[in-house]
C-alpha atoms as a PDB file:
ATOM      1  CA  MET A   1    -121.432 133.267  75.935  1.00  0.00           C
ATOM      2  CA  SER A   2    -123.245 131.608  79.466  1.00  0.00           C
ATOM      3  CA  GLY A   3    -126.437 132.566  77.162  1.00  0.00           C
ATOM      4  CA  THR A   4    -125.385 130.259  74.306  1.00  0.00           C
ATOM      5  CA  ASN A   5    -124.559 127.572  76.266  1.00  0.00           C
ATOM      6  CA  GLU A   6    -128.004 128.035  78.383  1.00  0.00           C
ATOM      7  CA  SER A   7    -129.187 128.219  75.044  1.00  0.00           C
ATOM      8  CA  THR A   8    -127.638 124.788  73.470  1.00  0.00           C
ATOM      9  CA  ALA A   9    -128.603 122.965  76.856  1.00  0.00           C
ATOM     10  CA  SER A  10    -132.437 124.065  76.047  1.00  0.00           C
ATOM     11  CA  GLN A  11    -132.019 122.497  72.500  1.00  0.00           C
ATOM     12  CA  LEU A  12    -131.027 118.859  73.802  1.00  0.00           C
ATOM     13  CA  PRO A  13    -133.596 116.312  74.092  1.00  0.00           C
ATOM     14  CA  GLU A  14    -134.200 115.660  78.164  1.00  0.00           C
ATOM     15  CA  LEU A  15    -133.390 111.667  78.751  1.00  0.00           C
ATOM     16  CA  ASP A  16    -135.672 109.519  79.980  1.00  0.00           C
ATOM     17  CA  GLU A  17    -135.204 105.506  80.469  1.00  0.00           C
ATOM     18  CA  GLU A  18    -136.195 104.338  77.230  1.00  0.00           C
ATOM     19  CA  ALA A  19    -133.835 106.724  76.159  1.00  0.00           C
ATOM     20  CA  VAL A  20    -131.261 105.259  77.855  1.00  0.00           C
ATOM     21  CA  ARG A  21    -132.226 101.976  77.571  1.00  0.00           C
ATOM     22  CA  ALA A  22    -132.327 102.234  73.787  1.00  0.00           C
ATOM     23  CA  TYR A  23    -128.849 103.652  73.565  1.00  0.00           C
ATOM     24  CA  LEU A  24    -127.003 101.123  75.854  1.00  0.00           C
ATOM     25  CA  LYS A  25    -129.351  98.139  73.673  1.00  0.00           C
ATOM     26  CA  ASP A  26    -127.372  99.967  70.568  1.00  0.00           C
ATOM     27  CA  ASN A  27    -124.483 100.196  72.256  1.00  0.00           C
ATOM     28  CA  ALA A  28    -124.003  96.997  73.743  1.00  0.00           C
ATOM     29  CA  ASP A  29    -120.250  97.481  74.872  1.00  0.00           C
ATOM     30  CA  PHE A  30    -120.564 100.770  76.360  1.00  0.00           C
ATOM     31  CA  LEU A  31    -120.208  99.409  80.086  1.00  0.00           C
ATOM     32  CA  GLN A  32    -116.714  97.532  78.307  1.00  0.00           C
ATOM     33  CA  ARG A  33    -115.616 100.789  77.514  1.00  0.00           C
ATOM     34  CA  ASN A  34    -116.553 102.427  80.289  1.00  0.00           C
ATOM     35  CA  PRO A  35    -115.682  99.776  83.007  1.00  0.00           C
ATOM     36  CA  ASP A  36    -114.941 102.759  85.487  1.00  0.00           C
ATOM     37  CA  LEU A  37    -118.942 102.732  85.665  1.00  0.00           C
ATOM     38  CA  LEU A  38    -119.613  99.464  86.517  1.00  0.00           C
ATOM     39  CA  ASP A  39    -118.554  99.787  90.813  1.00  0.00           C
ATOM     40  CA  ASP A  40    -120.583 103.089  90.748  1.00  0.00           C
ATOM     41  CA  LEU A  41    -123.805 101.086  89.245  1.00  0.00           C
ATOM     42  CA  HIS A  42    -125.957  98.978  91.932  1.00  0.00           C
ATOM     43  CA  VAL A  43    -128.742  96.994  91.818  1.00  0.00           C
ATOM     44  CA  SER A  44    -131.134  95.886  94.122  1.00  0.00           C
ATOM     45  CA  HIS A  45    -130.700  92.842  96.266  1.00  0.00           C
ATOM     46  CA  ALA A  46    -133.773  90.900  97.869  1.00  0.00           C
ATOM     47  CA  SER A  47    -132.111  91.532 101.332  1.00  0.00           C
ATOM     48  CA  GLY A  48    -132.357  95.219 100.995  1.00  0.00           C
ATOM     49  CA  SER A  49    -128.708  95.579 100.400  1.00  0.00           C
ATOM     50  CA  ALA A  50    -126.886  96.910  97.484  1.00  0.00           C
ATOM     51  CA  THR A  51    -124.790  94.737  95.179  1.00  0.00           C
ATOM     52  CA  SER A  52    -122.695  96.053  92.168  1.00  0.00           C
ATOM     53  CA  LEU A  53    -123.570  95.604  88.741  1.00  0.00           C
ATOM     54  CA  VAL A  54    -120.650  93.031  88.117  1.00  0.00           C
ATOM     55  CA  GLU A  55    -122.072  91.251  91.217  1.00  0.00           C
ATOM     56  CA  LYS A  56    -125.172  91.408  89.870  1.00  0.00           C
ATOM     57  CA  GLN A  57    -124.356  90.151  86.515  1.00  0.00           C
ATOM     58  CA  VAL A  58    -122.113  87.063  88.195  1.00  0.00           C
ATOM     59  CA  SER A  59    -125.306  85.859  90.161  1.00  0.00           C
ATOM     60  CA  VAL A  60    -127.770  86.289  86.905  1.00  0.00           C
ATOM     61  CA  LEU A  61    -124.822  84.267  85.107  1.00  0.00           C
ATOM     62  CA  ARG A  62    -124.648  81.686  88.256  1.00  0.00           C
ATOM     63  CA  GLU A  63    -128.437  81.436  88.069  1.00  0.00           C
ATOM     64  CA  ARG A  64    -128.444  80.712  84.257  1.00  0.00           C
ATOM     65  CA  ASN A  65    -125.921  78.089  84.665  1.00  0.00           C
ATOM     66  CA  ILE A  66    -127.609  75.788  87.202  1.00  0.00           C
ATOM     67  CA  ASP A  67    -131.190  76.650  85.075  1.00  0.00           C
ATOM     68  CA  MET A  68    -128.760  74.871  82.377  1.00  0.00           C
ATOM     69  CA  ARG A  69    -127.486  72.195  83.884  1.00  0.00           C
ATOM     70  CA  HIS A  70    -131.029  71.256  85.416  1.00  0.00           C
ATOM     71  CA  ARG A  71    -132.131  71.186  81.414  1.00  0.00           C
ATOM     72  CA  LEU A  72    -129.151  69.390  80.400  1.00  0.00           C
ATOM     73  CA  ASN A  73    -130.194  66.751  83.142  1.00  0.00           C
ATOM     74  CA  THR A  74    -134.157  66.245  82.512  1.00  0.00           C
ATOM     75  CA  LEU A  75    -132.841  65.540  78.757  1.00  0.00           C
ATOM     76  CA  THR A  76    -129.864  63.510  79.854  1.00  0.00           C
ATOM     77  CA  SER A  77    -132.699  61.505  81.424  1.00  0.00           C
ATOM     78  CA  ASN A  78    -135.423  61.693  78.969  1.00  0.00           C
ATOM     79  CA  ALA A  79    -132.935  60.454  76.639  1.00  0.00           C
ATOM     80  CA  ARG A  80    -131.932  57.136  78.724  1.00  0.00           C
ATOM     81  CA  ASP A  81    -135.485  56.219  79.472  1.00  0.00           C
ATOM     82  CA  ASN A  82    -136.016  56.555  75.758  1.00  0.00           C
ATOM     83  CA  ASP A  83    -133.088  54.432  75.046  1.00  0.00           C
ATOM     84  CA  ASN A  84    -134.483  51.867  77.432  1.00  0.00           C
ATOM     85  CA  LEU A  85    -137.798  52.297  76.042  1.00  0.00           C
ATOM     86  CA  TYR A  86    -136.759  51.568  72.720  1.00  0.00           C
ATOM     87  CA  GLU A  87    -134.695  48.392  73.497  1.00  0.00           C
ATOM     88  CA  GLN A  88    -137.645  46.912  75.552  1.00  0.00           C
ATOM     89  CA  THR A  89    -139.950  47.643  72.676  1.00  0.00           C
ATOM     90  CA  ARG A  90    -137.351  45.904  70.109  1.00  0.00           C
ATOM     91  CA  LYS A  91    -137.282  42.510  72.650  1.00  0.00           C
ATOM     92  CA  LEU A  92    -141.019  42.900  72.939  1.00  0.00           C
ATOM     93  CA  VAL A  93    -141.594  43.058  69.159  1.00  0.00           C
ATOM     94  CA  LEU A  94    -139.285  40.084  68.186  1.00  0.00           C
ATOM     95  CA  LYS A  95    -141.086  38.180  70.937  1.00  0.00           C
ATOM     96  CA  LEU A  96    -144.803  38.559  69.164  1.00  0.00           C
ATOM     97  CA  ILE A  97    -142.990  37.323  65.232  1.00  0.00           C
ATOM     98  CA  GLU A  98    -141.789  34.345  67.028  1.00  0.00           C
ATOM     99  CA  ALA A  99    -144.650  33.322  68.688  1.00  0.00           C
ATOM    100  CA  ASN A 100    -146.272  30.306  66.496  1.00  0.00           C
ATOM    101  CA  SER A 101    -149.382  30.097  67.897  1.00  0.00           C
ATOM    102  CA  LEU A 102    -152.178  32.834  69.821  1.00  0.00           C
ATOM    103  CA  THR A 103    -151.520  31.239  73.344  1.00  0.00           C
ATOM    104  CA  GLN A 104    -147.539  32.350  72.916  1.00  0.00           C
ATOM    105  CA  LEU A 105    -148.467  36.014  71.536  1.00  0.00           C
ATOM    106  CA  HIS A 106    -150.496  36.058  75.005  1.00  0.00           C
ATOM    107  CA  THR A 107    -147.997  34.983  76.817  1.00  0.00           C
ATOM    108  CA  ALA A 108    -145.258  37.082  74.862  1.00  0.00           C
ATOM    109  CA  PHE A 109    -146.680  40.262  75.391  1.00  0.00           C
ATOM    110  CA  ILE A 110    -148.633  39.546  78.727  1.00  0.00           C
ATOM    111  CA  GLU A 111    -145.054  38.535  80.487  1.00  0.00           C
ATOM    112  CA  SER A 112    -143.304  41.418  79.036  1.00  0.00           C
ATOM    113  CA  MET A 113    -145.404  43.553  79.978  1.00  0.00           C
ATOM    114  CA  LYS A 114    -144.969  42.176  83.370  1.00  0.00           C
ATOM    115  CA  SER A 115    -141.260  41.797  83.610  1.00  0.00           C
ATOM    116  CA  ASP A 116    -139.995  44.352  81.347  1.00  0.00           C
ATOM    117  CA  PHE A 117    -141.855  47.199  81.150  1.00  0.00           C
ATOM    118  CA  ASP A 118    -142.970  47.102  84.933  1.00  0.00           C
ATOM    119  CA  VAL A 119    -146.901  47.008  84.171  1.00  0.00           C
ATOM    120  CA  GLU A 120    -148.758  45.755  87.104  1.00  0.00           C
ATOM    121  CA  HIS A 121    -151.957  44.421  84.992  1.00  0.00           C
ATOM    122  CA  ALA A 122    -152.078  43.585  81.562  1.00  0.00           C
ATOM    123  CA  SER A 123    -154.766  41.890  79.578  1.00  0.00           C
ATOM    124  CA  MET A 124    -155.108  40.986  75.725  1.00  0.00           C
ATOM    125  CA  ILE A 125    -158.754  40.019  74.918  1.00  0.00           C
ATOM    126  CA  LEU A 126    -159.268  38.652  71.434  1.00  0.00           C
ATOM    127  CA  PHE A 127    -162.606  38.022  69.824  1.00  0.00           C
ATOM    128  CA  GLY A 128    -163.915  34.454  69.159  1.00  0.00           C
ATOM    129  CA  GLU A 129    -165.101  31.779  70.506  1.00  0.00           C
ATOM    130  CA  PRO A 130    -164.942  31.450  74.174  1.00  0.00           C
ATOM    131  CA  GLY A 131    -162.641  28.526  75.573  1.00  0.00           C
ATOM    132  CA  SER A 132    -160.987  27.847  72.046  1.00  0.00           C
ATOM    133  CA  GLU A 133    -157.777  28.194  72.990  1.00  0.00           C
ATOM    134  CA  GLU A 134    -156.294  27.258  76.138  1.00  0.00           C
ATOM    135  CA  GLY A 135    -153.672  29.692  77.859  1.00  0.00           C
ATOM    136  CA  CYS A 136    -155.350  32.648  75.842  1.00  0.00           C
ATOM    137  CA  ARG A 137    -158.522  34.815  76.712  1.00  0.00           C
ATOM    138  CA  ILE A 138    -160.897  34.546  74.018  1.00  0.00           C
ATOM    139  CA  GLU A 139    -164.651  36.560  73.947  1.00  0.00           C
ATOM    140  CA  SER A 140    -167.502  36.911  71.884  1.00  0.00           C
ATOM    141  CA  ALA A 141    -167.029  40.134  70.049  1.00  0.00           C
ATOM    142  CA  GLU A 142    -171.039  40.915  70.765  1.00  0.00           C
ATOM    143  CA  SER A 143    -170.079  40.087  74.823  1.00  0.00           C
ATOM    144  CA  VAL A 144    -167.096  42.373  74.746  1.00  0.00           C
ATOM    145  CA  ARG A 145    -169.258  45.200  73.165  1.00  0.00           C
ATOM    146  CA  ILE A 146    -171.875  44.452  75.732  1.00  0.00           C
ATOM    147  CA  GLU A 147    -169.278  45.005  78.810  1.00  0.00           C
ATOM    148  CA  ILE A 148    -166.446  47.422  77.166  1.00  0.00           C
ATOM    149  CA  GLY A 149    -168.149  48.769  74.276  1.00  0.00           C
ATOM    150  CA  ALA A 150    -167.736  52.258  74.849  1.00  0.00           C
ATOM    151  CA  LEU A 151    -163.876  52.003  74.867  1.00  0.00           C
ATOM    152  CA  LEU A 152    -163.902  50.376  71.557  1.00  0.00           C
ATOM    153  CA  LYS A 153    -165.813  52.791  69.407  1.00  0.00           C
ATOM    154  CA  GLY A 154    -162.999  55.354  68.958  1.00  0.00           C
ATOM    155  CA  ARG A 155    -160.978  52.996  67.809  1.00  0.00           C
ATOM    156  CA  LYS A 156    -157.958  54.567  69.378  1.00  0.00           C
ATOM    157  CA  ALA A 157    -156.189  54.373  72.591  1.00  0.00           C
ATOM    158  CA  MET A 158    -157.584  55.627  75.715  1.00  0.00           C
ATOM    159  CA  CYS A 159    -156.277  56.418  79.290  1.00  0.00           C
ATOM    160  CA  GLY A 160    -157.621  57.137  82.767  1.00  0.00           C
ATOM    161  CA  ALA A 161    -159.864  56.419  85.210  1.00  0.00           C
ATOM    162  CA  LEU A 162    -162.351  53.608  84.194  1.00  0.00           C
ATOM    163  CA  ARG A 163    -165.613  52.687  85.531  1.00  0.00           C
ATOM    164  CA  THR A 164    -165.176  49.954  87.777  1.00  0.00           C
ATOM    165  CA  GLU A 165    -167.258  47.538  85.796  1.00  0.00           C
ATOM    166  CA  GLU A 166    -165.094  48.646  83.038  1.00  0.00           C
ATOM    167  CA  LEU A 167    -161.598  47.859  84.953  1.00  0.00           C
ATOM    168  CA  SER A 168    -163.349  44.473  86.430  1.00  0.00           C
ATOM    169  CA  TYR A 169    -163.913  43.047  82.674  1.00  0.00           C
ATOM    170  CA  LEU A 170    -160.108  44.217  81.620  1.00  0.00           C
ATOM    171  CA  PHE A 171    -158.801  42.397  84.226  1.00  0.00           C
ATOM    172  CA  PRO A 172    -160.840  39.749  86.471  1.00  0.00           C
ATOM    173  CA  ASP A 173    -157.867  38.951  88.652  1.00  0.00           C
ATOM    174  CA  ALA A 174    -156.271  42.069  89.445  1.00  0.00           C
ATOM    175  CA  GLY A 175    -158.090  42.778  92.384  1.00  0.00           C
ATOM    176  CA  GLU A 176    -158.379  46.515  92.958  1.00  0.00           C
ATOM    177  CA  VAL A 177    -157.269  48.749  89.632  1.00  0.00           C
ATOM    178  CA  GLY A 178    -157.388  52.376  89.667  1.00  0.00           C
ATOM    179  CA  SER A 179    -156.217  53.285  86.361  1.00  0.00           C
ATOM    180  CA  ALA A 180    -155.809  51.644  83.137  1.00  0.00           C
ATOM    181  CA  ALA A 181    -154.676  52.400  79.201  1.00  0.00           C
ATOM    182  CA  LEU A 182    -156.412  50.227  76.257  1.00  0.00           C
ATOM    183  CA  MET A 183    -156.147  49.794  72.744  1.00  0.00           C
ATOM    184  CA  PRO A 184    -158.670  48.065  70.208  1.00  0.00           C
ATOM    185  CA  LEU A 185    -156.890  45.557  67.697  1.00  0.00           C
ATOM    186  CA  TYR A 186    -158.431  46.378  64.470  1.00  0.00           C
ATOM    187  CA  LEU A 187    -157.552  45.652  61.008  1.00  0.00           C
ATOM    188  CA  GLY A 188    -160.143  46.023  58.682  1.00  0.00           C
ATOM    189  CA  GLU A 189    -162.395  44.411  61.577  1.00  0.00           C
ATOM    190  CA  GLU A 190    -162.612  44.181  65.225  1.00  0.00           C
ATOM    191  CA  LEU A 191    -160.116  41.820  66.758  1.00  0.00           C
ATOM    192  CA  GLY A 192    -159.992  42.407  69.971  1.00  0.00           C
ATOM    193  CA  VAL A 193    -158.388  44.767  72.863  1.00  0.00           C
ATOM    194  CA  ILE A 194    -155.003  45.191  74.664  1.00  0.00           C
ATOM    195  CA  ALA A 195    -154.740  46.848  78.171  1.00  0.00           C
ATOM    196  CA  VAL A 196    -152.722  47.465  81.397  1.00  0.00           C
ATOM    197  CA  GLY A 197    -153.659  48.519  84.160  1.00  0.00           C
ATOM    198  CA  SER A 198    -152.252  49.842  87.987  1.00  0.00           C
ATOM    199  CA  SER A 199    -153.867  50.352  91.441  1.00  0.00           C
ATOM    200  CA  ASP A 200    -152.368  54.334  91.474  1.00  0.00           C
ATOM    201  CA  ALA A 201    -155.510  55.919  89.833  1.00  0.00           C
ATOM    202  CA  ASN A 202    -153.025  58.562  88.635  1.00  0.00           C
ATOM    203  CA  ARG A 203    -150.733  55.896  86.645  1.00  0.00           C
ATOM    204  CA  TYR A 204    -152.313  56.205  83.303  1.00  0.00           C
ATOM    205  CA  SER A 205    -154.007  59.739  83.035  1.00  0.00           C
ATOM    206  CA  SER A 206    -155.896  61.088  80.268  1.00  0.00           C
ATOM    207  CA  THR A 207    -152.857  62.941  79.404  1.00  0.00           C
ATOM    208  CA  MET A 208    -150.138  61.018  78.535  1.00  0.00           C
ATOM    209  CA  GLY A 209    -148.894  59.798  75.473  1.00  0.00           C
ATOM    210  CA  THR A 210    -150.252  56.305  73.899  1.00  0.00           C
ATOM    211  CA  LEU A 211    -147.738  55.908  71.030  1.00  0.00           C
ATOM    212  CA  PHE A 212    -146.192  52.767  72.524  1.00  0.00           C
ATOM    213  CA  LEU A 213    -149.347  51.010  73.556  1.00  0.00           C
ATOM    214  CA  SER A 214    -150.917  51.960  68.919  1.00  0.00           C
ATOM    215  CA  HIS A 215    -147.457  50.564  68.124  1.00  0.00           C
ATOM    216  CA  ILE A 216    -147.261  47.461  69.675  1.00  0.00           C
ATOM    217  CA  ALA A 217    -151.143  46.791  68.940  1.00  0.00           C
ATOM    218  CA  ASP A 218    -150.079  47.564  65.125  1.00  0.00           C
ATOM    219  CA  VAL A 219    -147.501  44.685  65.245  1.00  0.00           C
ATOM    220  CA  ILE A 220    -150.205  42.343  67.114  1.00  0.00           C
ATOM    221  CA  VAL A 221    -152.838  42.989  64.550  1.00  0.00           C
ATOM    222  CA  ARG A 222    -150.584  41.701  61.743  1.00  0.00           C
ATOM    223  CA  LEU A 223    -149.694  38.810  63.257  1.00  0.00           C
ATOM    224  CA  LEU A 224    -153.022  37.471  64.242  1.00  0.00           C
ATOM    225  CA  PRO A 225    -154.097  36.473  60.690  1.00  0.00           C
ATOM    226  CA  HIS A 226    -151.105  34.042  60.201  1.00  0.00           C
ATOM    227  CA  LEU A 227    -151.385  32.372  63.466  1.00  0.00           C
ATOM    228  CA  PRO A 228    -153.400  28.709  63.498  1.00  0.00           C
ATOM    229  CA  ARG A 229    -156.993  29.321  65.326  1.00  0.00           C
ATOM    230  CA  SER A 230    -159.367  26.335  66.761  1.00  0.00           C
ATOM    231  CA  SER A 231    -162.314  28.069  65.304  1.00  0.00           C
ATOM    232  CA  SER A 232    -163.247  31.401  62.902  1.00  0.00           C
ATOM    233  CA  THR A 233    -163.500  34.846  64.967  1.00  0.00           C
ATOM    234  CA  THR A 234    -167.532  35.933  65.348  1.00  0.00           C
END
């Protein structure tokens, strides 16, 4: 009889960790059906002491709960920031639409950037006859290309730490500027450029999004042809 038992035992597959793992994964309620094992299973703690499986599960669930709370707080904060950005953008677009002249358009953009968006330095340069519009910076297209032509070639938004000469041209009265974001104004032809700057060299990095600046530029270029000018663009 004992020989039969030994023969049967020898035919049983040897259990290894992978077999146990596979069994437990296929029988997720195993420990629920055998709760007495929970107190016999222990997991090493970081301190070197052993904790029961129940305590370990509670610890894991607590950590997951904390992580989920942090993620929820981040999502809530981002949603709040996006709501504020949307409202500020809506107000700016309305101000731009209500402008009856290039000067009013220029003023609406500059003042809104500084008061509503907390931007340190803002600039709008339009192509035309220099000095032709009071209260609005007008430069010849040729002079702008000479000074910052490399920034306008791609006709898309750019961010980062620009050359000192480029920053000085964009923000002539700003003093020291560490970084900037700019967007060419283009609609079939080059109409100018808008830019925002900061004394912080890391404020506008090459990895930041430029959707907002591009959106504002899209609005401005569609308004410019309908605003009166003292002379035609060059």
